[in-house]
Amino acid sequence: MWIGTEALKTGLPPKGELVFEPGGAGSVLADGALRRKFLWMHQARGRLQISGRRLDGDAPPLQSVVPEGFEAQDIQPTSLIFPTTGCWEVTGRIGEHRVTFVLRVVKIGDGPARVPEV
């Protein structure tokens, strides 16, 4: 399911629920944070910035990895890093173009594979 406009949009998981489960997509970082790749499409030009906050409890802010080199293209791969499970509001923006959505982040069991500490 895509959300946003032609200027900036991203795909959301079914029912707005991002599930981290054994053998599933994503990874668990050394500090327990949950990382998942997100693809953004855009016709707006400039650098994509992503921010987020947990709505249903205290948590550090969402972190994101936005690789450079995609500003002039229509596609932008990213990683979103959720410090905890819960209900998260996420906003992506390029200039004046903005997309905000809410996800429920769920971890089942130990979640997907752990990323070893470096």
PDB file of N, CA and C in Angstrom:
ATOM      1  N   MET A   1       0.843  -1.172   0.000  1.00  0.00           N
ATOM      2  CA  MET A   1       0.000   0.000   0.000  1.00  0.00           C
ATOM      3  C   MET A   1       0.891   1.240   0.000  1.00  0.00           C
ATOM      4  N   TRP A   2       0.747   2.083  -0.994  1.00  0.00           N
ATOM      5  CA  TRP A   2       1.524   3.325  -1.083  1.00  0.00           C
ATOM      6  C   TRP A   2       0.768   4.455  -0.407  1.00  0.00           C
ATOM      7  N   ILE A   3       1.514   5.330   0.269  1.00  0.00           N
ATOM      8  CA  ILE A   3       0.928   6.491   0.922  1.00  0.00           C
ATOM      9  C   ILE A   3       1.740   7.711   0.527  1.00  0.00           C
ATOM     10  N   GLY A   4       1.056   8.822   0.256  1.00  0.00           N
ATOM     11  CA  GLY A   4       1.718  10.055  -0.121  1.00  0.00           C
ATOM     12  C   GLY A   4       1.194  10.568  -1.443  1.00  0.00           C
ATOM     13  N   THR A   5       2.042  11.318  -2.154  1.00  0.00           N
ATOM     14  CA  THR A   5       1.702  11.890  -3.450  1.00  0.00           C
ATOM     15  C   THR A   5       2.800  11.532  -4.447  1.00  0.00           C
ATOM     16  N   GLU A   6       2.633  11.953  -5.684  1.00  0.00           N
ATOM     17  CA  GLU A   6       3.682  11.710  -6.672  1.00  0.00           C
ATOM     18  C   GLU A   6       4.985  12.397  -6.274  1.00  0.00           C
ATOM     19  N   ALA A   7       4.876  13.505  -5.537  1.00  0.00           N
ATOM     20  CA  ALA A   7       6.075  14.225  -5.110  1.00  0.00           C
ATOM     21  C   ALA A   7       6.892  13.394  -4.125  1.00  0.00           C
ATOM     22  N   LEU A   8       6.201  12.650  -3.231  1.00  0.00           N
ATOM     23  CA  LEU A   8       6.882  11.830  -2.221  1.00  0.00           C
ATOM     24  C   LEU A   8       5.911  10.786  -1.685  1.00  0.00           C
ATOM     25  N   LYS A   9       6.305   9.522  -1.753  1.00  0.00           N
ATOM     26  CA  LYS A   9       5.463   8.451  -1.221  1.00  0.00           C
ATOM     27  C   LYS A   9       6.321   7.281  -0.781  1.00  0.00           C
ATOM     28  N   THR A  10       5.728   6.426   0.051  1.00  0.00           N
ATOM     29  CA  THR A  10       6.409   5.217   0.505  1.00  0.00           C
ATOM     30  C   THR A  10       5.383   4.101   0.629  1.00  0.00           C
ATOM     31  N   GLY A  11       5.884   2.880   0.690  1.00  0.00           N
ATOM     32  CA  GLY A  11       5.013   1.723   0.840  1.00  0.00           C
ATOM     33  C   GLY A  11       4.861   1.343   2.302  1.00  0.00           C
ATOM     34  N   LEU A  12       3.652   1.001   2.691  1.00  0.00           N
ATOM     35  CA  LEU A  12       3.378   0.586   4.064  1.00  0.00           C
ATOM     36  C   LEU A  12       3.020  -0.891   4.111  1.00  0.00           C
ATOM     37  N   PRO A  13       3.310  -1.546   5.231  1.00  0.00           N
ATOM     38  CA  PRO A  13       2.935  -2.952   5.372  1.00  0.00           C
ATOM     39  C   PRO A  13       1.426  -3.085   5.559  1.00  0.00           C
ATOM     40  N   PRO A  14       0.878  -4.275   5.329  1.00  0.00           N
ATOM     41  CA  PRO A  14      -0.554  -4.488   5.514  1.00  0.00           C
ATOM     42  C   PRO A  14      -1.003  -4.090   6.922  1.00  0.00           C
ATOM     43  N   LYS A  15      -2.148  -3.449   7.003  1.00  0.00           N
ATOM     44  CA  LYS A  15      -2.775  -3.034   8.263  1.00  0.00           C
ATOM     45  C   LYS A  15      -1.907  -2.065   9.062  1.00  0.00           C
ATOM     46  N   GLY A  16      -0.867  -1.508   8.446  1.00  0.00           N
ATOM     47  CA  GLY A  16       0.003  -0.572   9.149  1.00  0.00           C
ATOM     48  C   GLY A  16       0.781  -1.212  10.282  1.00  0.00           C
ATOM     49  N   GLU A  17       0.985  -2.512  10.181  1.00  0.00           N
ATOM     50  CA  GLU A  17       1.688  -3.247  11.238  1.00  0.00           C
ATOM     51  C   GLU A  17       3.011  -3.777  10.702  1.00  0.00           C
ATOM     52  N   LEU A  18       4.090  -3.351  11.332  1.00  0.00           N
ATOM     53  CA  LEU A  18       5.434  -3.773  10.945  1.00  0.00           C
ATOM     54  C   LEU A  18       5.876  -4.862  11.915  1.00  0.00           C
ATOM     55  N   VAL A  19       5.902  -6.100  11.432  1.00  0.00           N
ATOM     56  CA  VAL A  19       6.159  -7.252  12.299  1.00  0.00           C
ATOM     57  C   VAL A  19       7.600  -7.729  12.111  1.00  0.00           C
ATOM     58  N   PHE A  20       8.305  -7.840  13.227  1.00  0.00           N
ATOM     59  CA  PHE A  20       9.658  -8.400  13.255  1.00  0.00           C
ATOM     60  C   PHE A  20       9.541  -9.784  13.876  1.00  0.00           C
ATOM     61  N   GLU A  21       9.769 -10.814  13.064  1.00  0.00           N
ATOM     62  CA  GLU A  21       9.590 -12.177  13.545  1.00  0.00           C
ATOM     63  C   GLU A  21      10.760 -13.049  13.119  1.00  0.00           C
ATOM     64  N   PRO A  22      10.975 -14.165  13.831  1.00  0.00           N
ATOM     65  CA  PRO A  22      12.067 -15.066  13.456  1.00  0.00           C
ATOM     66  C   PRO A  22      11.946 -15.475  11.989  1.00  0.00           C
ATOM     67  N   GLY A  23      13.049 -15.362  11.262  1.00  0.00           N
ATOM     68  CA  GLY A  23      13.065 -15.712   9.846  1.00  0.00           C
ATOM     69  C   GLY A  23      12.471 -14.651   8.942  1.00  0.00           C
ATOM     70  N   GLY A  24      11.972 -13.557   9.513  1.00  0.00           N
ATOM     71  CA  GLY A  24      11.329 -12.507   8.728  1.00  0.00           C
ATOM     72  C   GLY A  24      12.295 -11.416   8.304  1.00  0.00           C
ATOM     73  N   ALA A  25      11.742 -10.415   7.667  1.00  0.00           N
ATOM     74  CA  ALA A  25      12.530  -9.281   7.179  1.00  0.00           C
ATOM     75  C   ALA A  25      13.004  -8.412   8.335  1.00  0.00           C
ATOM     76  N   GLY A  26      14.075  -7.690   8.078  1.00  0.00           N
ATOM     77  CA  GLY A  26      14.616  -6.780   9.072  1.00  0.00           C
ATOM     78  C   GLY A  26      15.689  -7.435   9.903  1.00  0.00           C
ATOM     79  N   SER A  27      16.125  -6.696  10.925  1.00  0.00           N
ATOM     80  CA  SER A  27      17.158  -7.225  11.814  1.00  0.00           C
ATOM     81  C   SER A  27      17.033  -6.580  13.181  1.00  0.00           C
ATOM     82  N   VAL A  28      17.624  -7.254  14.161  1.00  0.00           N
ATOM     83  CA  VAL A  28      17.705  -6.735  15.523  1.00  0.00           C
ATOM     84  C   VAL A  28      19.142  -6.281  15.724  1.00  0.00           C
ATOM     85  N   LEU A  29      19.320  -5.025  16.116  1.00  0.00           N
ATOM     86  CA  LEU A  29      20.667  -4.491  16.331  1.00  0.00           C
ATOM     87  C   LEU A  29      21.182  -4.901  17.707  1.00  0.00           C
ATOM     88  N   ALA A  30      22.458  -4.689  17.929  1.00  0.00           N
ATOM     89  CA  ALA A  30      23.099  -5.104  19.184  1.00  0.00           C
ATOM     90  C   ALA A  30      22.418  -4.506  20.413  1.00  0.00           C
ATOM     91  N   ASP A  31      21.892  -3.278  20.288  1.00  0.00           N
ATOM     92  CA  ASP A  31      21.224  -2.637  21.430  1.00  0.00           C
ATOM     93  C   ASP A  31      19.750  -3.006  21.541  1.00  0.00           C
ATOM     94  N   GLY A  32      19.272  -3.913  20.671  1.00  0.00           N
ATOM     95  CA  GLY A  32      17.881  -4.350  20.707  1.00  0.00           C
ATOM     96  C   GLY A  32      16.961  -3.573  19.783  1.00  0.00           C
ATOM     97  N   ALA A  33      17.456  -2.495  19.168  1.00  0.00           N
ATOM     98  CA  ALA A  33      16.641  -1.723  18.228  1.00  0.00           C
ATOM     99  C   ALA A  33      16.305  -2.590  17.016  1.00  0.00           C
ATOM    100  N   LEU A  34      15.216  -2.246  16.348  1.00  0.00           N
ATOM    101  CA  LEU A  34      14.714  -3.008  15.208  1.00  0.00           C
ATOM    102  C   LEU A  34      14.890  -2.198  13.929  1.00  0.00           C
ATOM    103  N   ARG A  35      15.552  -2.794  12.921  1.00  0.00           N
ATOM    104  CA  ARG A  35      15.840  -2.090  11.671  1.00  0.00           C
ATOM    105  C   ARG A  35      15.131  -2.767  10.509  1.00  0.00           C
ATOM    106  N   ARG A  36      14.497  -1.938   9.671  1.00  0.00           N
ATOM    107  CA  ARG A  36      13.812  -2.461   8.487  1.00  0.00           C
ATOM    108  C   ARG A  36      14.040  -1.508   7.323  1.00  0.00           C
ATOM    109  N   LYS A  37      14.224  -2.056   6.138  1.00  0.00           N
ATOM    110  CA  LYS A  37      14.374  -1.248   4.931  1.00  0.00           C
ATOM    111  C   LYS A  37      13.014  -0.681   4.514  1.00  0.00           C
ATOM    112  N   PHE A  38      13.039   0.559   4.051  1.00  0.00           N
ATOM    113  CA  PHE A  38      11.854   1.218   3.511  1.00  0.00           C
ATOM    114  C   PHE A  38      12.237   1.855   2.186  1.00  0.00           C
ATOM    115  N   LEU A  39      11.387   1.712   1.200  1.00  0.00           N
ATOM    116  CA  LEU A  39      11.618   2.298  -0.109  1.00  0.00           C
ATOM    117  C   LEU A  39      10.710   3.516  -0.268  1.00  0.00           C
ATOM    118  N   TRP A  40      11.275   4.602  -0.725  1.00  0.00           N
ATOM    119  CA  TRP A  40      10.531   5.830  -0.990  1.00  0.00           C
ATOM    120  C   TRP A  40      10.619   6.126  -2.475  1.00  0.00           C
ATOM    121  N   MET A  41       9.544   6.663  -3.043  1.00  0.00           N
ATOM    122  CA  MET A  41       9.506   7.114  -4.431  1.00  0.00           C
ATOM    123  C   MET A  41       9.273   8.619  -4.385  1.00  0.00           C
ATOM    124  N   HIS A  42       9.931   9.365  -5.286  1.00  0.00           N
ATOM    125  CA  HIS A  42       9.730  10.814  -5.262  1.00  0.00           C
ATOM    126  C   HIS A  42      10.032  11.448  -6.602  1.00  0.00           C
ATOM    127  N   GLN A  43       9.306  12.520  -6.872  1.00  0.00           N
ATOM    128  CA  GLN A  43       9.603  13.376  -8.010  1.00  0.00           C
ATOM    129  C   GLN A  43      10.174  14.700  -7.525  1.00  0.00           C
ATOM    130  N   ALA A  44      10.017  14.971  -6.235  1.00  0.00           N
ATOM    131  CA  ALA A  44      10.622  16.162  -5.639  1.00  0.00           C
ATOM    132  C   ALA A  44      12.134  15.981  -5.643  1.00  0.00           C
ATOM    133  N   ARG A  45      12.859  17.059  -5.774  1.00  0.00           N
ATOM    134  CA  ARG A  45      14.317  16.981  -5.785  1.00  0.00           C
ATOM    135  C   ARG A  45      14.867  17.516  -4.474  1.00  0.00           C
ATOM    136  N   GLY A  46      15.907  16.861  -3.995  1.00  0.00           N
ATOM    137  CA  GLY A  46      16.533  17.240  -2.742  1.00  0.00           C
ATOM    138  C   GLY A  46      16.767  16.017  -1.888  1.00  0.00           C
ATOM    139  N   ARG A  47      17.279  16.251  -0.712  1.00  0.00           N
ATOM    140  CA  ARG A  47      17.627  15.158   0.215  1.00  0.00           C
ATOM    141  C   ARG A  47      16.432  14.786   1.073  1.00  0.00           C
ATOM    142  N   LEU A  48      16.130  13.501   1.121  1.00  0.00           N
ATOM    143  CA  LEU A  48      15.065  12.980   1.966  1.00  0.00           C
ATOM    144  C   LEU A  48      15.506  13.013   3.420  1.00  0.00           C
ATOM    145  N   GLN A  49      14.662  13.541   4.277  1.00  0.00           N
ATOM    146  CA  GLN A  49      14.893  13.537   5.721  1.00  0.00           C
ATOM    147  C   GLN A  49      13.749  12.775   6.370  1.00  0.00           C
ATOM    148  N   ILE A  50      14.077  11.934   7.354  1.00  0.00           N
ATOM    149  CA  ILE A  50      13.070  11.113   8.023  1.00  0.00           C
ATOM    150  C   ILE A  50      13.195  11.315   9.526  1.00  0.00           C
ATOM    151  N   SER A  51      12.056  11.502  10.177  1.00  0.00           N
ATOM    152  CA  SER A  51      12.030  11.616  11.636  1.00  0.00           C
ATOM    153  C   SER A  51      10.863  10.787  12.151  1.00  0.00           C
ATOM    154  N   GLY A  52      10.880  10.500  13.437  1.00  0.00           N
ATOM    155  CA  GLY A  52       9.779   9.732  14.001  1.00  0.00           C
ATOM    156  C   GLY A  52       9.810   9.730  15.514  1.00  0.00           C
ATOM    157  N   ARG A  53       8.638   9.473  16.084  1.00  0.00           N
ATOM    158  CA  ARG A  53       8.519   9.433  17.537  1.00  0.00           C
ATOM    159  C   ARG A  53       7.491   8.383  17.932  1.00  0.00           C
ATOM    160  N   ARG A  54       7.697   7.828  19.114  1.00  0.00           N
ATOM    161  CA  ARG A  54       6.760   6.847  19.639  1.00  0.00           C
ATOM    162  C   ARG A  54       5.576   7.592  20.242  1.00  0.00           C
ATOM    163  N   LEU A  55       4.371   7.156  19.912  1.00  0.00           N
ATOM    164  CA  LEU A  55       3.156   7.820  20.369  1.00  0.00           C
ATOM    165  C   LEU A  55       2.595   7.242  21.663  1.00  0.00           C
ATOM    166  N   ASP A  56       2.873   5.985  21.948  1.00  0.00           N
ATOM    167  CA  ASP A  56       2.223   5.311  23.076  1.00  0.00           C
ATOM    168  C   ASP A  56       3.149   5.060  24.259  1.00  0.00           C
ATOM    169  N   GLY A  57       4.253   5.769  24.333  1.00  0.00           N
ATOM    170  CA  GLY A  57       5.170   5.593  25.454  1.00  0.00           C
ATOM    171  C   GLY A  57       6.457   6.344  25.211  1.00  0.00           C
ATOM    172  N   ASP A  58       7.294   6.331  26.220  1.00  0.00           N
ATOM    173  CA  ASP A  58       8.589   7.002  26.102  1.00  0.00           C
ATOM    174  C   ASP A  58       9.576   6.124  25.344  1.00  0.00           C
ATOM    175  N   ALA A  59      10.347   6.753  24.482  1.00  0.00           N
ATOM    176  CA  ALA A  59      11.396   6.054  23.730  1.00  0.00           C
ATOM    177  C   ALA A  59      12.274   7.099  23.066  1.00  0.00           C
ATOM    178  N   PRO A  60      13.523   6.764  22.803  1.00  0.00           N
ATOM    179  CA  PRO A  60      14.345   7.666  22.002  1.00  0.00           C
ATOM    180  C   PRO A  60      13.709   7.835  20.618  1.00  0.00           C
ATOM    181  N   PRO A  61      14.047   8.897  19.899  1.00  0.00           N
ATOM    182  CA  PRO A  61      13.464   9.089  18.570  1.00  0.00           C
ATOM    183  C   PRO A  61      13.899   8.019  17.576  1.00  0.00           C
ATOM    184  N   LEU A  62      13.092   7.867  16.559  1.00  0.00           N
ATOM    185  CA  LEU A  62      13.414   7.002  15.431  1.00  0.00           C
ATOM    186  C   LEU A  62      14.730   7.459  14.812  1.00  0.00           C
ATOM    187  N   GLN A  63      15.517   6.528  14.349  1.00  0.00           N
ATOM    188  CA  GLN A  63      16.708   6.851  13.583  1.00  0.00           C
ATOM    189  C   GLN A  63      16.498   6.364  12.149  1.00  0.00           C
ATOM    190  N   SER A  64      17.217   6.956  11.221  1.00  0.00           N
ATOM    191  CA  SER A  64      17.097   6.520   9.832  1.00  0.00           C
ATOM    192  C   SER A  64      18.467   6.568   9.160  1.00  0.00           C
ATOM    193  N   VAL A  65      18.595   5.746   8.146  1.00  0.00           N
ATOM    194  CA  VAL A  65      19.784   5.752   7.291  1.00  0.00           C
ATOM    195  C   VAL A  65      19.284   6.072   5.887  1.00  0.00           C
ATOM    196  N   VAL A  66      19.749   7.196   5.349  1.00  0.00           N
ATOM    197  CA  VAL A  66      19.347   7.644   4.020  1.00  0.00           C
ATOM    198  C   VAL A  66      20.620   7.755   3.176  1.00  0.00           C
ATOM    199  N   PRO A  67      20.920   6.725   2.391  1.00  0.00           N
ATOM    200  CA  PRO A  67      22.147   6.748   1.597  1.00  0.00           C
ATOM    201  C   PRO A  67      22.175   7.927   0.617  1.00  0.00           C
ATOM    202  N   GLU A  68      23.347   8.496   0.406  1.00  0.00           N
ATOM    203  CA  GLU A  68      23.518   9.589  -0.545  1.00  0.00           C
ATOM    204  C   GLU A  68      23.565   9.053  -1.968  1.00  0.00           C
ATOM    205  N   GLY A  69      23.351   9.950  -2.923  1.00  0.00           N
ATOM    206  CA  GLY A  69      23.473   9.583  -4.325  1.00  0.00           C
ATOM    207  C   GLY A  69      22.151   9.319  -5.016  1.00  0.00           C
ATOM    208  N   PHE A  70      21.032   9.453  -4.299  1.00  0.00           N
ATOM    209  CA  PHE A  70      19.733   9.177  -4.902  1.00  0.00           C
ATOM    210  C   PHE A  70      18.900  10.444  -5.094  1.00  0.00           C
ATOM    211  N   GLU A  71      19.444  11.620  -4.757  1.00  0.00           N
ATOM    212  CA  GLU A  71      18.680  12.865  -4.791  1.00  0.00           C
ATOM    213  C   GLU A  71      18.094  13.173  -6.165  1.00  0.00           C
ATOM    214  N   ALA A  72      18.786  12.816  -7.231  1.00  0.00           N
ATOM    215  CA  ALA A  72      18.322  13.120  -8.586  1.00  0.00           C
ATOM    216  C   ALA A  72      17.560  11.958  -9.213  1.00  0.00           C
ATOM    217  N   GLN A  73      17.302  10.913  -8.449  1.00  0.00           N
ATOM    218  CA  GLN A  73      16.573   9.758  -8.965  1.00  0.00           C
ATOM    219  C   GLN A  73      15.160   9.740  -8.389  1.00  0.00           C
ATOM    220  N   ASP A  74      14.312   8.864  -8.903  1.00  0.00           N
ATOM    221  CA  ASP A  74      12.921   8.770  -8.451  1.00  0.00           C
ATOM    222  C   ASP A  74      12.745   7.800  -7.294  1.00  0.00           C
ATOM    223  N   ILE A  75      13.815   7.147  -6.879  1.00  0.00           N
ATOM    224  CA  ILE A  75      13.721   6.104  -5.863  1.00  0.00           C
ATOM    225  C   ILE A  75      14.767   6.358  -4.779  1.00  0.00           C
ATOM    226  N   GLN A  76      14.402   6.089  -3.527  1.00  0.00           N
ATOM    227  CA  GLN A  76      15.339   6.291  -2.415  1.00  0.00           C
ATOM    228  C   GLN A  76      15.193   5.138  -1.425  1.00  0.00           C
ATOM    229  N   PRO A  77      16.162   4.217  -1.392  1.00  0.00           N
ATOM    230  CA  PRO A  77      16.128   3.183  -0.358  1.00  0.00           C
ATOM    231  C   PRO A  77      16.581   3.795   0.969  1.00  0.00           C
ATOM    232  N   THR A  78      15.994   3.341   2.054  1.00  0.00           N
ATOM    233  CA  THR A  78      16.372   3.810   3.391  1.00  0.00           C
ATOM    234  C   THR A  78      16.250   2.651   4.373  1.00  0.00           C
ATOM    235  N   SER A  79      16.751   2.871   5.573  1.00  0.00           N
ATOM    236  CA  SER A  79      16.497   1.968   6.694  1.00  0.00           C
ATOM    237  C   SER A  79      15.910   2.798   7.824  1.00  0.00           C
ATOM    238  N   LEU A  80      14.867   2.277   8.444  1.00  0.00           N
ATOM    239  CA  LEU A  80      14.290   2.906   9.622  1.00  0.00           C
ATOM    240  C   LEU A  80      14.680   2.062  10.825  1.00  0.00           C
ATOM    241  N   ILE A  81      15.092   2.732  11.900  1.00  0.00           N
ATOM    242  CA  ILE A  81      15.535   2.036  13.106  1.00  0.00           C
ATOM    243  C   ILE A  81      14.650   2.459  14.265  1.00  0.00           C
ATOM    244  N   PHE A  82      13.857   1.504  14.754  1.00  0.00           N
ATOM    245  CA  PHE A  82      12.923   1.730  15.856  1.00  0.00           C
ATOM    246  C   PHE A  82      13.585   1.274  17.151  1.00  0.00           C
ATOM    247  N   PRO A  83      13.803   2.178  18.116  1.00  0.00           N
ATOM    248  CA  PRO A  83      14.451   1.795  19.371  1.00  0.00           C
ATOM    249  C   PRO A  83      13.637   0.796  20.192  1.00  0.00           C
ATOM    250  N   THR A  84      12.303   0.817  20.027  1.00  0.00           N
ATOM    251  CA  THR A  84      11.421  -0.079  20.776  1.00  0.00           C
ATOM    252  C   THR A  84      10.240  -0.468  19.900  1.00  0.00           C
ATOM    253  N   THR A  85       9.485  -1.427  20.351  1.00  0.00           N
ATOM    254  CA  THR A  85       8.206  -1.731  19.726  1.00  0.00           C
ATOM    255  C   THR A  85       7.218  -0.642  20.148  1.00  0.00           C
ATOM    256  N   GLY A  86       6.023  -0.667  19.594  1.00  0.00           N
ATOM    257  CA  GLY A  86       4.991   0.298  19.969  1.00  0.00           C
ATOM    258  C   GLY A  86       4.390   0.977  18.755  1.00  0.00           C
ATOM    259  N   CYS A  87       3.690   2.057  19.010  1.00  0.00           N
ATOM    260  CA  CYS A  87       3.012   2.840  17.982  1.00  0.00           C
ATOM    261  C   CYS A  87       3.903   4.031  17.615  1.00  0.00           C
ATOM    262  N   TRP A  88       4.306   4.107  16.351  1.00  0.00           N
ATOM    263  CA  TRP A  88       5.269   5.106  15.895  1.00  0.00           C
ATOM    264  C   TRP A  88       4.690   5.989  14.803  1.00  0.00           C
ATOM    265  N   GLU A  89       4.906   7.289  14.938  1.00  0.00           N
ATOM    266  CA  GLU A  89       4.589   8.254  13.888  1.00  0.00           C
ATOM    267  C   GLU A  89       5.886   8.549  13.144  1.00  0.00           C
ATOM    268  N   VAL A  90       5.846   8.414  11.819  1.00  0.00           N
ATOM    269  CA  VAL A  90       7.031   8.601  10.981  1.00  0.00           C
ATOM    270  C   VAL A  90       6.721   9.677   9.938  1.00  0.00           C
ATOM    271  N   THR A  91       7.664  10.594   9.745  1.00  0.00           N
ATOM    272  CA  THR A  91       7.508  11.643   8.739  1.00  0.00           C
ATOM    273  C   THR A  91       8.726  11.649   7.827  1.00  0.00           C
ATOM    274  N   GLY A  92       8.471  11.594   6.527  1.00  0.00           N
ATOM    275  CA  GLY A  92       9.513  11.763   5.525  1.00  0.00           C
ATOM    276  C   GLY A  92       9.269  13.081   4.815  1.00  0.00           C
ATOM    277  N   ARG A  93      10.348  13.813   4.515  1.00  0.00           N
ATOM    278  CA  ARG A  93      10.165  15.096   3.830  1.00  0.00           C
ATOM    279  C   ARG A  93      11.327  15.384   2.891  1.00  0.00           C
ATOM    280  N   ILE A  94      10.953  15.994   1.795  1.00  0.00           N
ATOM    281  CA  ILE A  94      11.908  16.584   0.865  1.00  0.00           C
ATOM    282  C   ILE A  94      11.400  17.997   0.627  1.00  0.00           C
ATOM    283  N   GLY A  95      12.143  18.989   1.109  1.00  0.00           N
ATOM    284  CA  GLY A  95      11.701  20.377   0.971  1.00  0.00           C
ATOM    285  C   GLY A  95      10.341  20.561   1.604  1.00  0.00           C
ATOM    286  N   GLU A  96       9.384  21.096   0.848  1.00  0.00           N
ATOM    287  CA  GLU A  96       8.034  21.344   1.369  1.00  0.00           C
ATOM    288  C   GLU A  96       7.127  20.116   1.280  1.00  0.00           C
ATOM    289  N   HIS A  97       7.584  19.052   0.641  1.00  0.00           N
ATOM    290  CA  HIS A  97       6.779  17.840   0.474  1.00  0.00           C
ATOM    291  C   HIS A  97       6.968  16.940   1.686  1.00  0.00           C
ATOM    292  N   ARG A  98       5.848  16.455   2.236  1.00  0.00           N
ATOM    293  CA  ARG A  98       5.914  15.703   3.487  1.00  0.00           C
ATOM    294  C   ARG A  98       4.887  14.569   3.456  1.00  0.00           C
ATOM    295  N   VAL A  99       5.286  13.435   4.022  1.00  0.00           N
ATOM    296  CA  VAL A  99       4.393  12.293   4.200  1.00  0.00           C
ATOM    297  C   VAL A  99       4.522  11.842   5.652  1.00  0.00           C
ATOM    298  N   THR A 100       3.393  11.749   6.353  1.00  0.00           N
ATOM    299  CA  THR A 100       3.385  11.275   7.736  1.00  0.00           C
ATOM    300  C   THR A 100       2.453  10.082   7.830  1.00  0.00           C
ATOM    301  N   PHE A 101       2.890   9.052   8.549  1.00  0.00           N
ATOM    302  CA  PHE A 101       2.072   7.860   8.735  1.00  0.00           C
ATOM    303  C   PHE A 101       2.350   7.280  10.113  1.00  0.00           C
ATOM    304  N   VAL A 102       1.483   6.370  10.538  1.00  0.00           N
ATOM    305  CA  VAL A 102       1.630   5.716  11.839  1.00  0.00           C
ATOM    306  C   VAL A 102       1.749   4.215  11.610  1.00  0.00           C
ATOM    307  N   LEU A 103       2.700   3.606  12.306  1.00  0.00           N
ATOM    308  CA  LEU A 103       2.928   2.166  12.240  1.00  0.00           C
ATOM    309  C   LEU A 103       2.869   1.565  13.631  1.00  0.00           C
ATOM    310  N   ARG A 104       2.361   0.373  13.715  1.00  0.00           N
ATOM    311  CA  ARG A 104       2.471  -0.412  14.945  1.00  0.00           C
ATOM    312  C   ARG A 104       3.648  -1.352  14.728  1.00  0.00           C
ATOM    313  N   VAL A 105       4.676  -1.233  15.563  1.00  0.00           N
ATOM    314  CA  VAL A 105       5.883  -2.052  15.454  1.00  0.00           C
ATOM    315  C   VAL A 105       5.781  -3.179  16.474  1.00  0.00           C
ATOM    316  N   VAL A 106       5.840  -4.415  15.987  1.00  0.00           N
ATOM    317  CA  VAL A 106       5.643  -5.603  16.816  1.00  0.00           C
ATOM    318  C   VAL A 106       6.846  -6.524  16.666  1.00  0.00           C
ATOM    319  N   LYS A 107       7.305  -7.080  17.763  1.00  0.00           N
ATOM    320  CA  LYS A 107       8.382  -8.076  17.726  1.00  0.00           C
ATOM    321  C   LYS A 107       7.831  -9.380  18.278  1.00  0.00           C
ATOM    322  N   ILE A 108       7.977 -10.444  17.510  1.00  0.00           N
ATOM    323  CA  ILE A 108       7.519 -11.767  17.921  1.00  0.00           C
ATOM    324  C   ILE A 108       8.735 -12.589  18.305  1.00  0.00           C
ATOM    325  N   GLY A 109       8.687 -13.135  19.507  1.00  0.00           N
ATOM    326  CA  GLY A 109       9.817 -13.940  19.991  1.00  0.00           C
ATOM    327  C   GLY A 109      11.094 -13.129  20.003  1.00  0.00           C
ATOM    328  N   ASP A 110      12.171 -13.717  19.462  1.00  0.00           N
ATOM    329  CA  ASP A 110      13.460 -13.024  19.392  1.00  0.00           C
ATOM    330  C   ASP A 110      13.560 -12.130  18.155  1.00  0.00           C
ATOM    331  N   GLY A 111      12.537 -12.127  17.314  1.00  0.00           N
ATOM    332  CA  GLY A 111      12.570 -11.323  16.107  1.00  0.00           C
ATOM    333  C   GLY A 111      13.464 -11.934  15.048  1.00  0.00           C
ATOM    334  N   PRO A 112      13.771 -11.178  13.991  1.00  0.00           N
ATOM    335  CA  PRO A 112      14.637 -11.682  12.911  1.00  0.00           C
ATOM    336  C   PRO A 112      16.087 -11.794  13.404  1.00  0.00           C
ATOM    337  N   ALA A 113      16.973 -12.081  12.498  1.00  0.00           N
ATOM    338  CA  ALA A 113      18.389 -12.280  12.837  1.00  0.00           C
ATOM    339  C   ALA A 113      18.972 -11.050  13.518  1.00  0.00           C
ATOM    340  N   ARG A 114      19.846 -11.308  14.477  1.00  0.00           N
ATOM    341  CA  ARG A 114      20.573 -10.228  15.161  1.00  0.00           C
ATOM    342  C   ARG A 114      21.792  -9.847  14.339  1.00  0.00           C
ATOM    343  N   VAL A 115      22.069  -8.546  14.311  1.00  0.00           N
ATOM    344  CA  VAL A 115      23.274  -8.051  13.648  1.00  0.00           C
ATOM    345  C   VAL A 115      24.390  -8.111  14.673  1.00  0.00           C
ATOM    346  N   PRO A 116      25.491  -8.784  14.371  1.00  0.00           N
ATOM    347  CA  PRO A 116      26.589  -8.877  15.345  1.00  0.00           C
ATOM    348  C   PRO A 116      27.206  -7.512  15.614  1.00  0.00           C
ATOM    349  N   GLU A 117      27.706  -7.333  16.824  1.00  0.00           N
ATOM    350  CA  GLU A 117      28.389  -6.092  17.174  1.00  0.00           C
ATOM    351  C   GLU A 117      29.687  -5.993  16.400  1.00  0.00           C
ATOM    352  N   VAL A 118      30.041  -4.781  16.006  1.00  0.00           N
ATOM    353  CA  VAL A 118      31.269  -4.560  15.241  1.00  0.00           C
ATOM    354  C   VAL A 118      32.298  -3.943  16.142  1.00  0.00           C
TER     355      VAL A 118
END
